[in-house]
Amino acid sequence: MQQNKKKALFLYFELAGYFVSCLEKLVKQYNIEAHVVRLPVNPLAPFNFESRNNIFTTNVKITITIHCSN
């Protein structure tokens, strides 16, 4: 009988290199899948995140609307 791999979910506004390094160690050490829901990378950012083994990212767009009444 095959065991299901454990999964971890992370919600992150702006993905950073140091966090990805931590995820890489986490998935290797504990043999898990890491799923990251994040905002798209800022086009001015000086880096690009590529796919990695057992780390899956999903971009989401958030729109905030503020209504003020008198």
N, C-alpha and C. Protein backbone atom coordinates (compact mmCIF):
# COMPACT_ATOMS: atom_id res chain seq x y z
N MET A 1 0.84 -1.19 0.00
CA MET A 1 0.00 0.00 0.00
C MET A 1 0.89 1.26 0.00
N GLN A 2 0.61 2.15 -0.93
CA GLN A 2 1.40 3.37 -1.05
C GLN A 2 0.81 4.48 -0.18
N GLN A 3 1.70 5.16 0.57
CA GLN A 3 1.25 6.26 1.42
C GLN A 3 1.16 7.55 0.60
N ASN A 4 0.15 8.36 0.90
CA ASN A 4 0.04 9.66 0.25
C ASN A 4 1.08 10.61 0.82
N LYS A 5 1.69 11.40 -0.06
CA LYS A 5 2.68 12.39 0.38
C LYS A 5 1.95 13.52 1.11
N LYS A 6 2.50 13.97 2.23
CA LYS A 6 1.90 15.10 2.96
C LYS A 6 2.12 16.38 2.17
N LYS A 7 1.21 17.32 2.36
CA LYS A 7 1.24 18.59 1.64
C LYS A 7 1.14 19.74 2.64
N ALA A 8 1.83 20.83 2.32
CA ALA A 8 1.77 22.05 3.13
C ALA A 8 1.34 23.20 2.22
N LEU A 9 0.47 24.06 2.73
CA LEU A 9 -0.02 25.21 1.96
C LEU A 9 0.49 26.49 2.60
N PHE A 10 1.03 27.39 1.78
CA PHE A 10 1.53 28.68 2.25
C PHE A 10 0.85 29.78 1.45
N LEU A 11 0.41 30.82 2.14
CA LEU A 11 -0.18 32.01 1.51
C LEU A 11 0.85 33.12 1.65
N TYR A 12 1.27 33.68 0.52
CA TYR A 12 2.39 34.61 0.54
C TYR A 12 2.11 35.78 -0.39
N PHE A 13 2.33 37.00 0.08
CA PHE A 13 2.11 38.17 -0.77
C PHE A 13 3.20 38.28 -1.83
N GLU A 14 4.44 38.44 -1.42
CA GLU A 14 5.54 38.60 -2.37
C GLU A 14 6.60 37.56 -2.05
N LEU A 15 6.68 36.57 -2.90
CA LEU A 15 7.63 35.48 -2.71
C LEU A 15 9.06 36.03 -2.76
N ALA A 16 9.89 35.58 -1.82
CA ALA A 16 11.28 36.04 -1.74
C ALA A 16 12.23 34.86 -1.81
N GLY A 17 13.44 35.11 -2.26
CA GLY A 17 14.43 34.07 -2.43
C GLY A 17 14.72 33.29 -1.16
N TYR A 18 14.83 33.99 -0.01
CA TYR A 18 15.14 33.29 1.23
C TYR A 18 14.01 32.33 1.60
N PHE A 19 12.77 32.69 1.31
CA PHE A 19 11.64 31.81 1.63
C PHE A 19 11.66 30.57 0.73
N VAL A 20 11.98 30.75 -0.55
CA VAL A 20 12.07 29.61 -1.47
C VAL A 20 13.18 28.66 -1.02
N SER A 21 14.29 29.20 -0.53
CA SER A 21 15.38 28.35 -0.01
C SER A 21 14.88 27.52 1.16
N CYS A 22 14.09 28.12 2.02
CA CYS A 22 13.51 27.39 3.16
C CYS A 22 12.56 26.30 2.67
N LEU A 23 11.75 26.61 1.66
CA LEU A 23 10.84 25.61 1.11
C LEU A 23 11.60 24.43 0.51
N GLU A 24 12.69 24.72 -0.19
CA GLU A 24 13.49 23.65 -0.79
C GLU A 24 14.02 22.70 0.28
N LYS A 25 14.49 23.26 1.37
CA LYS A 25 15.00 22.42 2.47
C LYS A 25 13.85 21.63 3.11
N LEU A 26 12.73 22.28 3.28
CA LEU A 26 11.56 21.64 3.89
C LEU A 26 11.09 20.43 3.08
N VAL A 27 10.93 20.60 1.77
CA VAL A 27 10.43 19.49 0.95
C VAL A 27 11.44 18.35 0.86
N LYS A 28 12.71 18.68 0.91
CA LYS A 28 13.74 17.64 0.85
C LYS A 28 13.83 16.89 2.18
N GLN A 29 13.87 17.63 3.28
CA GLN A 29 14.06 17.01 4.59
C GLN A 29 12.85 16.18 5.02
N TYR A 30 11.63 16.65 4.71
CA TYR A 30 10.43 15.97 5.18
C TYR A 30 9.65 15.26 4.08
N ASN A 31 10.18 15.29 2.84
CA ASN A 31 9.54 14.60 1.71
C ASN A 31 8.06 14.97 1.58
N ILE A 32 7.80 16.28 1.48
CA ILE A 32 6.43 16.78 1.34
C ILE A 32 6.29 17.56 0.03
N GLU A 33 5.06 17.91 -0.30
CA GLU A 33 4.77 18.86 -1.39
C GLU A 33 4.44 20.19 -0.74
N ALA A 34 5.01 21.26 -1.25
CA ALA A 34 4.71 22.60 -0.77
C ALA A 34 3.91 23.32 -1.86
N HIS A 35 2.76 23.84 -1.49
CA HIS A 35 1.91 24.60 -2.41
C HIS A 35 1.87 26.03 -1.90
N VAL A 36 2.20 26.97 -2.80
CA VAL A 36 2.27 28.38 -2.43
C VAL A 36 1.26 29.16 -3.27
N VAL A 37 0.35 29.84 -2.59
CA VAL A 37 -0.59 30.75 -3.26
C VAL A 37 -0.03 32.14 -3.04
N ARG A 38 0.20 32.87 -4.13
CA ARG A 38 0.90 34.15 -4.03
C ARG A 38 0.36 35.16 -5.03
N LEU A 39 0.70 36.41 -4.78
CA LEU A 39 0.46 37.45 -5.78
C LEU A 39 1.51 37.28 -6.88
N PRO A 40 1.21 37.71 -8.11
CA PRO A 40 2.21 37.61 -9.17
C PRO A 40 3.48 38.39 -8.80
N VAL A 41 4.63 37.92 -9.28
CA VAL A 41 5.90 38.59 -9.00
C VAL A 41 5.89 39.97 -9.64
N ASN A 42 6.35 40.95 -8.90
CA ASN A 42 6.45 42.32 -9.39
C ASN A 42 7.36 42.33 -10.62
N PRO A 43 6.90 42.91 -11.74
CA PRO A 43 7.73 42.91 -12.96
C PRO A 43 9.05 43.65 -12.79
N LEU A 44 9.17 44.51 -11.78
CA LEU A 44 10.42 45.22 -11.53
C LEU A 44 11.38 44.42 -10.65
N ALA A 45 10.94 43.29 -10.14
CA ALA A 45 11.79 42.48 -9.27
C ALA A 45 12.99 41.94 -10.05
N PRO A 46 14.16 41.91 -9.40
CA PRO A 46 15.38 41.47 -10.11
C PRO A 46 15.58 39.96 -10.11
N PHE A 47 14.53 39.19 -10.00
CA PHE A 47 14.66 37.74 -9.95
C PHE A 47 13.47 37.09 -10.63
N ASN A 48 13.60 35.80 -10.91
CA ASN A 48 12.54 35.02 -11.51
C ASN A 48 12.50 33.67 -10.83
N PHE A 49 11.33 33.25 -10.38
CA PHE A 49 11.20 31.97 -9.71
C PHE A 49 10.80 30.91 -10.72
N GLU A 50 11.60 29.87 -10.80
CA GLU A 50 11.33 28.76 -11.71
C GLU A 50 10.73 27.61 -10.92
N SER A 51 10.10 26.69 -11.64
CA SER A 51 9.52 25.51 -10.99
C SER A 51 10.61 24.69 -10.33
N ARG A 52 10.27 24.13 -9.20
CA ARG A 52 11.19 23.27 -8.46
C ARG A 52 10.46 22.00 -8.07
N ASN A 53 11.20 20.94 -7.84
CA ASN A 53 10.61 19.67 -7.43
C ASN A 53 9.80 19.82 -6.15
N ASN A 54 8.57 19.37 -6.20
CA ASN A 54 7.67 19.34 -5.05
C ASN A 54 7.31 20.72 -4.49
N ILE A 55 7.56 21.80 -5.25
CA ILE A 55 7.10 23.14 -4.86
C ILE A 55 6.23 23.65 -6.00
N PHE A 56 4.97 23.90 -5.69
CA PHE A 56 3.99 24.32 -6.69
C PHE A 56 3.46 25.69 -6.33
N THR A 57 3.42 26.60 -7.30
CA THR A 57 2.93 27.95 -7.02
C THR A 57 1.68 28.24 -7.85
N THR A 58 0.80 29.03 -7.26
CA THR A 58 -0.41 29.49 -7.93
C THR A 58 -0.49 31.00 -7.72
N ASN A 59 -0.58 31.74 -8.82
CA ASN A 59 -0.73 33.20 -8.73
C ASN A 59 -2.20 33.56 -8.57
N VAL A 60 -2.46 34.52 -7.72
CA VAL A 60 -3.82 35.05 -7.56
C VAL A 60 -3.75 36.57 -7.66
N LYS A 61 -4.83 37.15 -8.14
CA LYS A 61 -4.92 38.61 -8.21
C LYS A 61 -5.97 39.04 -7.20
N ILE A 62 -5.61 40.00 -6.38
CA ILE A 62 -6.53 40.49 -5.35
C ILE A 62 -6.91 41.93 -5.68
N THR A 63 -8.19 42.19 -5.66
CA THR A 63 -8.68 43.55 -5.85
C THR A 63 -9.37 43.99 -4.57
N ILE A 64 -8.95 45.13 -4.06
CA ILE A 64 -9.54 45.66 -2.83
C ILE A 64 -10.33 46.92 -3.19
N THR A 65 -11.57 46.94 -2.79
CA THR A 65 -12.43 48.09 -3.05
C THR A 65 -12.85 48.67 -1.70
N ILE A 66 -12.68 49.97 -1.55
CA ILE A 66 -13.08 50.65 -0.31
C ILE A 66 -14.24 51.57 -0.62
N HIS A 67 -15.32 51.40 0.09
CA HIS A 67 -16.51 52.26 -0.07
C HIS A 67 -16.62 53.17 1.16
N CYS A 68 -16.74 54.43 0.91
CA CYS A 68 -16.91 55.40 2.00
C CYS A 68 -18.28 56.05 1.87
N SER A 69 -18.93 56.17 2.97
CA SER A 69 -20.23 56.86 2.96
C SER A 69 -20.16 58.04 3.89
N ASN A 70 -20.95 59.07 3.54
CA ASN A 70 -20.97 60.30 4.36
C ASN A 70 -21.93 60.17 5.48
